[in-house]
Amino acid sequence: MAAVGWGSALLALLLAAGGAAALGRPSPVRVLSDGTWRELLHGEWMVEFYAPWCPACQSLQPEWEKFAEWGEDLDVNIAKVDVTEQPGLSGRFVITALPTIYQ
């Protein structure tokens, strides 16, 4: 899994296109944990590593949700990892800054 290159351009394009979040629907963003991270080995993924206390992460959340709505159409799985709850994963993926997006 490599750090984002073209994925960041795709994310910017999709976020600029906008999209209304569906009210009352469960989040399309999948939550990964130490027990489920191996799902990343199958298919295309965009994964955000974040912390609830991080202001930049908080600002990204609404846009990440909108991006996830596009994920199904793009055949891309959109997920997130809370590094405060999954420190093992932040170590496995060598997370040194927040938010970090992997593709």
PDB file of N, CA and C in Angstrom:
ATOM      1  N   MET A   1       0.850  -1.165   0.000  1.00  0.00           N
ATOM      2  CA  MET A   1       0.000   0.000   0.000  1.00  0.00           C
ATOM      3  C   MET A   1       0.894   1.227   0.000  1.00  0.00           C
ATOM      4  N   ALA A   2       0.684   2.123  -0.901  1.00  0.00           N
ATOM      5  CA  ALA A   2       1.540   3.299  -1.056  1.00  0.00           C
ATOM      6  C   ALA A   2       0.803   4.551  -0.616  1.00  0.00           C
ATOM      7  N   ALA A   3       1.563   5.539  -0.223  1.00  0.00           N
ATOM      8  CA  ALA A   3       0.956   6.830   0.112  1.00  0.00           C
ATOM      9  C   ALA A   3       0.297   7.383  -1.146  1.00  0.00           C
ATOM     10  N   VAL A   4      -0.669   8.229  -0.943  1.00  0.00           N
ATOM     11  CA  VAL A   4      -1.488   8.738  -2.041  1.00  0.00           C
ATOM     12  C   VAL A   4      -0.666   9.548  -3.021  1.00  0.00           C
ATOM     13  N   GLY A   5      -0.893   9.324  -4.307  1.00  0.00           N
ATOM     14  CA  GLY A   5      -0.335  10.130  -5.383  1.00  0.00           C
ATOM     15  C   GLY A   5      -1.506  10.633  -6.194  1.00  0.00           C
ATOM     16  N   TRP A   6      -1.921   9.845  -7.189  1.00  0.00           N
ATOM     17  CA  TRP A   6      -3.064  10.232  -8.008  1.00  0.00           C
ATOM     18  C   TRP A   6      -4.340  10.213  -7.190  1.00  0.00           C
ATOM     19  N   GLY A   7      -4.350   9.442  -6.104  1.00  0.00           N
ATOM     20  CA  GLY A   7      -5.546   9.358  -5.268  1.00  0.00           C
ATOM     21  C   GLY A   7      -5.931  10.695  -4.670  1.00  0.00           C
ATOM     22  N   SER A   8      -4.931  11.515  -4.323  1.00  0.00           N
ATOM     23  CA  SER A   8      -5.251  12.827  -3.755  1.00  0.00           C
ATOM     24  C   SER A   8      -5.904  13.720  -4.796  1.00  0.00           C
ATOM     25  N   ALA A   9      -5.476  13.584  -6.057  1.00  0.00           N
ATOM     26  CA  ALA A   9      -6.108  14.362  -7.126  1.00  0.00           C
ATOM     27  C   ALA A   9      -7.544  13.907  -7.334  1.00  0.00           C
ATOM     28  N   LEU A  10      -7.761  12.595  -7.286  1.00  0.00           N
ATOM     29  CA  LEU A  10      -9.116  12.057  -7.418  1.00  0.00           C
ATOM     30  C   LEU A  10      -9.992  12.539  -6.271  1.00  0.00           C
ATOM     31  N   LEU A  11      -9.455  12.494  -5.057  1.00  0.00           N
ATOM     32  CA  LEU A  11     -10.200  12.956  -3.896  1.00  0.00           C
ATOM     33  C   LEU A  11     -10.570  14.424  -4.044  1.00  0.00           C
ATOM     34  N   ALA A  12      -9.637  15.262  -4.470  1.00  0.00           N
ATOM     35  CA  ALA A  12      -9.917  16.688  -4.648  1.00  0.00           C
ATOM     36  C   ALA A  12     -11.001  16.907  -5.694  1.00  0.00           C
ATOM     37  N   LEU A  13     -10.931  16.163  -6.789  1.00  0.00           N
ATOM     38  CA  LEU A  13     -11.939  16.284  -7.836  1.00  0.00           C
ATOM     39  C   LEU A  13     -13.324  15.902  -7.325  1.00  0.00           C
ATOM     40  N   LEU A  14     -13.392  14.805  -6.614  1.00  0.00           N
ATOM     41  CA  LEU A  14     -14.684  14.351  -6.107  1.00  0.00           C
ATOM     42  C   LEU A  14     -15.248  15.298  -5.056  1.00  0.00           C
ATOM     43  N   LEU A  15     -14.382  15.828  -4.218  1.00  0.00           N
ATOM     44  CA  LEU A  15     -14.855  16.754  -3.194  1.00  0.00           C
ATOM     45  C   LEU A  15     -15.329  18.052  -3.816  1.00  0.00           C
ATOM     46  N   ALA A  16     -14.669  18.478  -4.883  1.00  0.00           N
ATOM     47  CA  ALA A  16     -15.091  19.695  -5.574  1.00  0.00           C
ATOM     48  C   ALA A  16     -16.443  19.490  -6.238  1.00  0.00           C
ATOM     49  N   ALA A  17     -16.714  18.269  -6.682  1.00  0.00           N
ATOM     50  CA  ALA A  17     -17.993  17.967  -7.323  1.00  0.00           C
ATOM     51  C   ALA A  17     -19.137  17.992  -6.315  1.00  0.00           C
ATOM     52  N   GLY A  18     -18.814  17.860  -5.048  1.00  0.00           N
ATOM     53  CA  GLY A  18     -19.830  17.933  -4.003  1.00  0.00           C
ATOM     54  C   GLY A  18     -20.655  16.675  -3.916  1.00  0.00           C
ATOM     55  N   GLY A  19     -21.848  16.824  -3.392  1.00  0.00           N
ATOM     56  CA  GLY A  19     -22.729  15.677  -3.200  1.00  0.00           C
ATOM     57  C   GLY A  19     -23.424  15.834  -1.876  1.00  0.00           C
ATOM     58  N   ALA A  20     -24.691  15.568  -1.873  1.00  0.00           N
ATOM     59  CA  ALA A  20     -25.459  15.718  -0.640  1.00  0.00           C
ATOM     60  C   ALA A  20     -25.385  14.450   0.181  1.00  0.00           C
ATOM     61  N   ALA A  21     -25.099  14.595   1.437  1.00  0.00           N
ATOM     62  CA  ALA A  21     -25.099  13.446   2.332  1.00  0.00           C
ATOM     63  C   ALA A  21     -26.537  13.034   2.601  1.00  0.00           C
ATOM     64  N   ALA A  22     -26.773  11.760   2.523  1.00  0.00           N
ATOM     65  CA  ALA A  22     -28.122  11.256   2.769  1.00  0.00           C
ATOM     66  C   ALA A  22     -28.371  11.236   4.272  1.00  0.00           C
ATOM     67  N   LEU A  23     -29.424  11.894   4.676  1.00  0.00           N
ATOM     68  CA  LEU A  23     -29.757  11.951   6.093  1.00  0.00           C
ATOM     69  C   LEU A  23     -30.382  10.635   6.522  1.00  0.00           C
ATOM     70  N   GLY A  24     -30.019  10.184   7.695  1.00  0.00           N
ATOM     71  CA  GLY A  24     -30.616   8.989   8.247  1.00  0.00           C
ATOM     72  C   GLY A  24     -30.005   7.692   7.742  1.00  0.00           C
ATOM     73  N   ARG A  25     -29.058   7.764   6.841  1.00  0.00           N
ATOM     74  CA  ARG A  25     -28.404   6.558   6.339  1.00  0.00           C
ATOM     75  C   ARG A  25     -27.145   6.295   7.143  1.00  0.00           C
ATOM     76  N   PRO A  26     -26.798   5.026   7.298  1.00  0.00           N
ATOM     77  CA  PRO A  26     -25.531   4.737   7.981  1.00  0.00           C
ATOM     78  C   PRO A  26     -24.357   5.235   7.145  1.00  0.00           C
ATOM     79  N   SER A  27     -23.281   5.496   7.802  1.00  0.00           N
ATOM     80  CA  SER A  27     -22.093   6.010   7.119  1.00  0.00           C
ATOM     81  C   SER A  27     -21.570   4.988   6.112  1.00  0.00           C
ATOM     82  N   PRO A  28     -21.223   5.442   4.910  1.00  0.00           N
ATOM     83  CA  PRO A  28     -20.622   4.535   3.932  1.00  0.00           C
ATOM     84  C   PRO A  28     -19.133   4.277   4.202  1.00  0.00           C
ATOM     85  N   VAL A  29     -18.570   4.982   5.183  1.00  0.00           N
ATOM     86  CA  VAL A  29     -17.159   4.807   5.523  1.00  0.00           C
ATOM     87  C   VAL A  29     -17.024   3.576   6.418  1.00  0.00           C
ATOM     88  N   ARG A  30     -16.172   2.658   6.004  1.00  0.00           N
ATOM     89  CA  ARG A  30     -15.948   1.454   6.797  1.00  0.00           C
ATOM     90  C   ARG A  30     -14.894   1.745   7.854  1.00  0.00           C
ATOM     91  N   VAL A  31     -15.059   1.161   9.023  1.00  0.00           N
ATOM     92  CA  VAL A  31     -14.119   1.343  10.122  1.00  0.00           C
ATOM     93  C   VAL A  31     -13.234   0.099  10.185  1.00  0.00           C
ATOM     94  N   LEU A  32     -11.930   0.306  10.055  1.00  0.00           N
ATOM     95  CA  LEU A  32     -10.991  -0.808  10.106  1.00  0.00           C
ATOM     96  C   LEU A  32     -10.357  -0.910  11.483  1.00  0.00           C
ATOM     97  N   SER A  33     -10.035  -2.134  11.864  1.00  0.00           N
ATOM     98  CA  SER A  33      -9.420  -2.402  13.159  1.00  0.00           C
ATOM     99  C   SER A  33      -8.310  -3.431  12.977  1.00  0.00           C
ATOM    100  N   ASP A  34      -7.644  -3.756  14.073  1.00  0.00           N
ATOM    101  CA  ASP A  34      -6.613  -4.793  14.027  1.00  0.00           C
ATOM    102  C   ASP A  34      -7.180  -6.109  13.505  1.00  0.00           C
ATOM    103  N   GLY A  35      -8.448  -6.365  13.784  1.00  0.00           N
ATOM    104  CA  GLY A  35      -9.073  -7.612  13.359  1.00  0.00           C
ATOM    105  C   GLY A  35      -9.586  -7.615  11.933  1.00  0.00           C
ATOM    106  N   THR A  36      -9.771  -6.430  11.336  1.00  0.00           N
ATOM    107  CA  THR A  36     -10.369  -6.377   9.993  1.00  0.00           C
ATOM    108  C   THR A  36      -9.475  -5.753   8.932  1.00  0.00           C
ATOM    109  N   TRP A  37      -8.284  -5.299   9.278  1.00  0.00           N
ATOM    110  CA  TRP A  37      -7.447  -4.569   8.324  1.00  0.00           C
ATOM    111  C   TRP A  37      -7.051  -5.406   7.116  1.00  0.00           C
ATOM    112  N   ARG A  38      -7.070  -6.730   7.237  1.00  0.00           N
ATOM    113  CA  ARG A  38      -6.669  -7.581   6.111  1.00  0.00           C
ATOM    114  C   ARG A  38      -7.625  -7.473   4.926  1.00  0.00           C
ATOM    115  N   GLU A  39      -8.802  -6.890   5.150  1.00  0.00           N
ATOM    116  CA  GLU A  39      -9.721  -6.638   4.038  1.00  0.00           C
ATOM    117  C   GLU A  39      -9.046  -5.758   2.979  1.00  0.00           C
ATOM    118  N   LEU A  40      -8.072  -4.960   3.413  1.00  0.00           N
ATOM    119  CA  LEU A  40      -7.346  -4.071   2.501  1.00  0.00           C
ATOM    120  C   LEU A  40      -6.598  -4.826   1.411  1.00  0.00           C
ATOM    121  N   LEU A  41      -6.379  -6.100   1.629  1.00  0.00           N
ATOM    122  CA  LEU A  41      -5.617  -6.889   0.672  1.00  0.00           C
ATOM    123  C   LEU A  41      -6.425  -7.229  -0.572  1.00  0.00           C
ATOM    124  N   HIS A  42      -7.721  -6.950  -0.539  1.00  0.00           N
ATOM    125  CA  HIS A  42      -8.601  -7.280  -1.660  1.00  0.00           C
ATOM    126  C   HIS A  42      -9.308  -6.025  -2.150  1.00  0.00           C
ATOM    127  N   GLY A  43      -9.160  -5.716  -3.419  1.00  0.00           N
ATOM    128  CA  GLY A  43      -9.840  -4.567  -4.003  1.00  0.00           C
ATOM    129  C   GLY A  43      -9.059  -3.276  -3.831  1.00  0.00           C
ATOM    130  N   GLU A  44      -9.707  -2.188  -4.245  1.00  0.00           N
ATOM    131  CA  GLU A  44      -9.128  -0.843  -4.146  1.00  0.00           C
ATOM    132  C   GLU A  44      -9.640  -0.172  -2.874  1.00  0.00           C
ATOM    133  N   TRP A  45      -8.758   0.529  -2.187  1.00  0.00           N
ATOM    134  CA  TRP A  45      -9.098   1.169  -0.921  1.00  0.00           C
ATOM    135  C   TRP A  45      -8.504   2.570  -0.839  1.00  0.00           C
ATOM    136  N   MET A  46      -9.217   3.439  -0.158  1.00  0.00           N
ATOM    137  CA  MET A  46      -8.706   4.726   0.310  1.00  0.00           C
ATOM    138  C   MET A  46      -8.976   4.708   1.818  1.00  0.00           C
ATOM    139  N   VAL A  47      -7.937   4.860   2.612  1.00  0.00           N
ATOM    140  CA  VAL A  47      -8.058   4.746   4.067  1.00  0.00           C
ATOM    141  C   VAL A  47      -7.514   6.002   4.723  1.00  0.00           C
ATOM    142  N   GLU A  48      -8.331   6.574   5.582  1.00  0.00           N
ATOM    143  CA  GLU A  48      -7.917   7.747   6.360  1.00  0.00           C
ATOM    144  C   GLU A  48      -7.523   7.290   7.757  1.00  0.00           C
ATOM    145  N   PHE A  49      -6.344   7.678   8.193  1.00  0.00           N
ATOM    146  CA  PHE A  49      -5.912   7.481   9.570  1.00  0.00           C
ATOM    147  C   PHE A  49      -6.108   8.815  10.272  1.00  0.00           C
ATOM    148  N   TYR A  50      -6.835   8.805  11.381  1.00  0.00           N
ATOM    149  CA  TYR A  50      -7.207  10.051  12.051  1.00  0.00           C
ATOM    150  C   TYR A  50      -7.220   9.868  13.561  1.00  0.00           C
ATOM    151  N   ALA A  51      -7.346  10.986  14.267  1.00  0.00           N
ATOM    152  CA  ALA A  51      -7.564  10.987  15.715  1.00  0.00           C
ATOM    153  C   ALA A  51      -8.713  11.944  15.996  1.00  0.00           C
ATOM    154  N   PRO A  52      -9.606  11.586  16.914  1.00  0.00           N
ATOM    155  CA  PRO A  52     -10.763  12.439  17.206  1.00  0.00           C
ATOM    156  C   PRO A  52     -10.393  13.841  17.695  1.00  0.00           C
ATOM    157  N   TRP A  53      -9.235  13.997  18.332  1.00  0.00           N
ATOM    158  CA  TRP A  53      -8.822  15.295  18.876  1.00  0.00           C
ATOM    159  C   TRP A  53      -8.156  16.191  17.835  1.00  0.00           C
ATOM    160  N   CYS A  54      -7.859  15.673  16.659  1.00  0.00           N
ATOM    161  CA  CYS A  54      -7.107  16.397  15.627  1.00  0.00           C
ATOM    162  C   CYS A  54      -8.017  17.361  14.857  1.00  0.00           C
ATOM    163  N   PRO A  55      -7.766  18.685  14.913  1.00  0.00           N
ATOM    164  CA  PRO A  55      -8.618  19.645  14.202  1.00  0.00           C
ATOM    165  C   PRO A  55      -8.660  19.417  12.689  1.00  0.00           C
ATOM    166  N   ALA A  56      -7.530  19.109  12.081  1.00  0.00           N
ATOM    167  CA  ALA A  56      -7.523  18.857  10.630  1.00  0.00           C
ATOM    168  C   ALA A  56      -8.343  17.617  10.295  1.00  0.00           C
ATOM    169  N   CYS A  57      -8.264  16.608  11.151  1.00  0.00           N
ATOM    170  CA  CYS A  57      -9.053  15.385  10.950  1.00  0.00           C
ATOM    171  C   CYS A  57     -10.544  15.689  11.075  1.00  0.00           C
ATOM    172  N   GLN A  58     -10.903  16.500  12.046  1.00  0.00           N
ATOM    173  CA  GLN A  58     -12.306  16.874  12.236  1.00  0.00           C
ATOM    174  C   GLN A  58     -12.832  17.625  11.023  1.00  0.00           C
ATOM    175  N   SER A  59     -12.010  18.489  10.450  1.00  0.00           N
ATOM    176  CA  SER A  59     -12.421  19.244   9.263  1.00  0.00           C
ATOM    177  C   SER A  59     -12.610  18.338   8.054  1.00  0.00           C
ATOM    178  N   LEU A  60     -11.827  17.286   7.970  1.00  0.00           N
ATOM    179  CA  LEU A  60     -11.901  16.371   6.832  1.00  0.00           C
ATOM    180  C   LEU A  60     -13.116  15.445   6.887  1.00  0.00           C
ATOM    181  N   GLN A  61     -13.633  15.150   8.077  1.00  0.00           N
ATOM    182  CA  GLN A  61     -14.670  14.128   8.227  1.00  0.00           C
ATOM    183  C   GLN A  61     -15.891  14.319   7.330  1.00  0.00           C
ATOM    184  N   PRO A  62     -16.507  15.501   7.251  1.00  0.00           N
ATOM    185  CA  PRO A  62     -17.687  15.638   6.382  1.00  0.00           C
ATOM    186  C   PRO A  62     -17.360  15.362   4.915  1.00  0.00           C
ATOM    187  N   GLU A  63     -16.185  15.799   4.476  1.00  0.00           N
ATOM    188  CA  GLU A  63     -15.788  15.572   3.086  1.00  0.00           C
ATOM    189  C   GLU A  63     -15.460  14.105   2.843  1.00  0.00           C
ATOM    190  N   TRP A  64     -14.880  13.446   3.837  1.00  0.00           N
ATOM    191  CA  TRP A  64     -14.567  12.019   3.707  1.00  0.00           C
ATOM    192  C   TRP A  64     -15.861  11.211   3.577  1.00  0.00           C
ATOM    193  N   GLU A  65     -16.887  11.617   4.314  1.00  0.00           N
ATOM    194  CA  GLU A  65     -18.197  10.958   4.204  1.00  0.00           C
ATOM    195  C   GLU A  65     -18.772  11.144   2.801  1.00  0.00           C
ATOM    196  N   LYS A  66     -18.673  12.360   2.267  1.00  0.00           N
ATOM    197  CA  LYS A  66     -19.168  12.617   0.907  1.00  0.00           C
ATOM    198  C   LYS A  66     -18.393  11.788  -0.111  1.00  0.00           C
ATOM    199  N   PHE A  67     -17.073  11.740   0.057  1.00  0.00           N
ATOM    200  CA  PHE A  67     -16.235  10.954  -0.836  1.00  0.00           C
ATOM    201  C   PHE A  67     -16.637   9.479  -0.796  1.00  0.00           C
ATOM    202  N   ALA A  68     -16.959   8.975   0.382  1.00  0.00           N
ATOM    203  CA  ALA A  68     -17.342   7.570   0.532  1.00  0.00           C
ATOM    204  C   ALA A  68     -18.618   7.250  -0.238  1.00  0.00           C
ATOM    205  N   GLU A  69     -19.504   8.231  -0.374  1.00  0.00           N
ATOM    206  CA  GLU A  69     -20.726   8.006  -1.146  1.00  0.00           C
ATOM    207  C   GLU A  69     -20.392   7.719  -2.612  1.00  0.00           C
ATOM    208  N   TRP A  70     -19.302   8.283  -3.092  1.00  0.00           N
ATOM    209  CA  TRP A  70     -18.861   8.049  -4.468  1.00  0.00           C
ATOM    210  C   TRP A  70     -18.125   6.721  -4.603  1.00  0.00           C
ATOM    211  N   GLY A  71     -17.623   6.205  -3.505  1.00  0.00           N
ATOM    212  CA  GLY A  71     -16.787   5.014  -3.541  1.00  0.00           C
ATOM    213  C   GLY A  71     -17.406   3.826  -4.240  1.00  0.00           C
ATOM    214  N   GLU A  72     -18.671   3.584  -3.980  1.00  0.00           N
ATOM    215  CA  GLU A  72     -19.330   2.429  -4.589  1.00  0.00           C
ATOM    216  C   GLU A  72     -19.365   2.568  -6.106  1.00  0.00           C
ATOM    217  N   ASP A  73     -19.683   3.756  -6.594  1.00  0.00           N
ATOM    218  CA  ASP A  73     -19.711   3.986  -8.043  1.00  0.00           C
ATOM    219  C   ASP A  73     -18.328   3.827  -8.669  1.00  0.00           C
ATOM    220  N   LEU A  74     -17.299   4.143  -7.904  1.00  0.00           N
ATOM    221  CA  LEU A  74     -15.926   4.065  -8.406  1.00  0.00           C
ATOM    222  C   LEU A  74     -15.283   2.701  -8.161  1.00  0.00           C
ATOM    223  N   ASP A  75     -16.021   1.810  -7.489  1.00  0.00           N
ATOM    224  CA  ASP A  75     -15.504   0.496  -7.103  1.00  0.00           C
ATOM    225  C   ASP A  75     -14.273   0.636  -6.204  1.00  0.00           C
ATOM    226  N   VAL A  76     -14.372   1.592  -5.266  1.00  0.00           N
ATOM    227  CA  VAL A  76     -13.312   1.845  -4.296  1.00  0.00           C
ATOM    228  C   VAL A  76     -13.925   1.769  -2.901  1.00  0.00           C
ATOM    229  N   ASN A  77     -13.286   1.033  -2.011  1.00  0.00           N
ATOM    230  CA  ASN A  77     -13.720   0.958  -0.620  1.00  0.00           C
ATOM    231  C   ASN A  77     -13.128   2.140   0.136  1.00  0.00           C
ATOM    232  N   ILE A  78     -13.958   2.832   0.895  1.00  0.00           N
ATOM    233  CA  ILE A  78     -13.514   3.987   1.677  1.00  0.00           C
ATOM    234  C   ILE A  78     -13.577   3.594   3.149  1.00  0.00           C
ATOM    235  N   ALA A  79     -12.475   3.811   3.857  1.00  0.00           N
ATOM    236  CA  ALA A  79     -12.414   3.385   5.254  1.00  0.00           C
ATOM    237  C   ALA A  79     -11.669   4.417   6.086  1.00  0.00           C
ATOM    238  N   LYS A  80     -11.720   4.200   7.396  1.00  0.00           N
ATOM    239  CA  LYS A  80     -10.982   5.060   8.315  1.00  0.00           C
ATOM    240  C   LYS A  80     -10.483   4.225   9.481  1.00  0.00           C
ATOM    241  N   VAL A  81      -9.420   4.721  10.103  1.00  0.00           N
ATOM    242  CA  VAL A  81      -8.825   4.074  11.261  1.00  0.00           C
ATOM    243  C   VAL A  81      -8.578   5.144  12.311  1.00  0.00           C
ATOM    244  N   ASP A  82      -9.162   4.966  13.486  1.00  0.00           N
ATOM    245  CA  ASP A  82      -8.917   5.860  14.616  1.00  0.00           C
ATOM    246  C   ASP A  82      -7.621   5.397  15.278  1.00  0.00           C
ATOM    247  N   VAL A  83      -6.561   6.184  15.147  1.00  0.00           N
ATOM    248  CA  VAL A  83      -5.261   5.763  15.661  1.00  0.00           C
ATOM    249  C   VAL A  83      -5.227   5.704  17.187  1.00  0.00           C
ATOM    250  N   THR A  84      -6.168   6.378  17.852  1.00  0.00           N
ATOM    251  CA  THR A  84      -6.204   6.297  19.313  1.00  0.00           C
ATOM    252  C   THR A  84      -6.791   4.972  19.775  1.00  0.00           C
ATOM    253  N   GLU A  85      -7.609   4.351  18.930  1.00  0.00           N
ATOM    254  CA  GLU A  85      -8.201   3.052  19.261  1.00  0.00           C
ATOM    255  C   GLU A  85      -7.442   1.891  18.627  1.00  0.00           C
ATOM    256  N   GLN A  86      -6.674   2.169  17.587  1.00  0.00           N
ATOM    257  CA  GLN A  86      -5.945   1.129  16.849  1.00  0.00           C
ATOM    258  C   GLN A  86      -4.467   1.502  16.712  1.00  0.00           C
ATOM    259  N   PRO A  87      -3.750   1.622  17.832  1.00  0.00           N
ATOM    260  CA  PRO A  87      -2.340   2.025  17.738  1.00  0.00           C
ATOM    261  C   PRO A  87      -1.485   1.019  16.978  1.00  0.00           C
ATOM    262  N   GLY A  88      -1.870  -0.240  16.985  1.00  0.00           N
ATOM    263  CA  GLY A  88      -1.119  -1.244  16.235  1.00  0.00           C
ATOM    264  C   GLY A  88      -1.144  -0.975  14.745  1.00  0.00           C
ATOM    265  N   LEU A  89      -2.296  -0.536  14.239  1.00  0.00           N
ATOM    266  CA  LEU A  89      -2.404  -0.237  12.812  1.00  0.00           C
ATOM    267  C   LEU A  89      -1.621   1.014  12.444  1.00  0.00           C
ATOM    268  N   SER A  90      -1.615   2.003  13.332  1.00  0.00           N
ATOM    269  CA  SER A  90      -0.840   3.206  13.016  1.00  0.00           C
ATOM    270  C   SER A  90       0.645   2.865  12.945  1.00  0.00           C
ATOM    271  N   GLY A  91       1.090   1.918  13.750  1.00  0.00           N
ATOM    272  CA  GLY A  91       2.472   1.463  13.669  1.00  0.00           C
ATOM    273  C   GLY A  91       2.728   0.635  12.425  1.00  0.00           C
ATOM    274  N   ARG A  92       1.804  -0.250  12.095  1.00  0.00           N
ATOM    275  CA  ARG A  92       1.947  -1.115  10.917  1.00  0.00           C
ATOM    276  C   ARG A  92       2.073  -0.286   9.641  1.00  0.00           C
ATOM    277  N   PHE A  93       1.322   0.821   9.561  1.00  0.00           N
ATOM    278  CA  PHE A  93       1.336   1.664   8.369  1.00  0.00           C
ATOM    279  C   PHE A  93       2.252   2.884   8.516  1.00  0.00           C
ATOM    280  N   VAL A  94       3.023   2.930   9.598  1.00  0.00           N
ATOM    281  CA  VAL A  94       4.012   3.982   9.857  1.00  0.00           C
ATOM    282  C   VAL A  94       3.385   5.374   9.727  1.00  0.00           C
ATOM    283  N   ILE A  95       2.326   5.593  10.494  1.00  0.00           N
ATOM    284  CA  ILE A  95       1.630   6.880  10.483  1.00  0.00           C
ATOM    285  C   ILE A  95       2.422   7.864  11.336  1.00  0.00           C
ATOM    286  N   THR A  96       2.846   8.972  10.722  1.00  0.00           N
ATOM    287  CA  THR A  96       3.636   9.980  11.432  1.00  0.00           C
ATOM    288  C   THR A  96       2.976  11.348  11.452  1.00  0.00           C
ATOM    289  N   ALA A  97       1.853  11.502  10.745  1.00  0.00           N
ATOM    290  CA  ALA A  97       1.134  12.777  10.711  1.00  0.00           C
ATOM    291  C   ALA A  97      -0.351  12.477  10.557  1.00  0.00           C
ATOM    292  N   LEU A  98      -1.166  13.403  11.032  1.00  0.00           N
ATOM    293  CA  LEU A  98      -2.622  13.235  10.944  1.00  0.00           C
ATOM    294  C   LEU A  98      -3.250  14.443  10.281  1.00  0.00           C
ATOM    295  N   PRO A  99      -4.263  14.236   9.470  1.00  0.00           N
ATOM    296  CA  PRO A  99      -4.698  12.935   8.953  1.00  0.00           C
ATOM    297  C   PRO A  99      -3.732  12.431   7.886  1.00  0.00           C
ATOM    298  N   THR A 100      -3.709  11.121   7.728  1.00  0.00           N
ATOM    299  CA  THR A 100      -2.945  10.483   6.659  1.00  0.00           C
ATOM    300  C   THR A 100      -3.911   9.653   5.834  1.00  0.00           C
ATOM    301  N   ILE A 101      -3.799   9.750   4.521  1.00  0.00           N
ATOM    302  CA  ILE A 101      -4.660   8.975   3.629  1.00  0.00           C
ATOM    303  C   ILE A 101      -3.780   8.040   2.815  1.00  0.00           C
ATOM    304  N   TYR A 102      -4.117   6.767   2.874  1.00  0.00           N
ATOM    305  CA  TYR A 102      -3.419   5.747   2.097  1.00  0.00           C
ATOM    306  C   TYR A 102      -4.323   5.218   1.015  1.00  0.00           C
ATOM    307  N   GLN A 103      -3.703   4.839  -0.085  1.00  0.00           N
ATOM    308  CA  GLN A 103      -4.435   4.247  -1.200  1.00  0.00           C
ATOM    309  C   GLN A 103      -3.798   2.933  -1.566  1.00  0.00           C
TER     310      GLN A 103
END
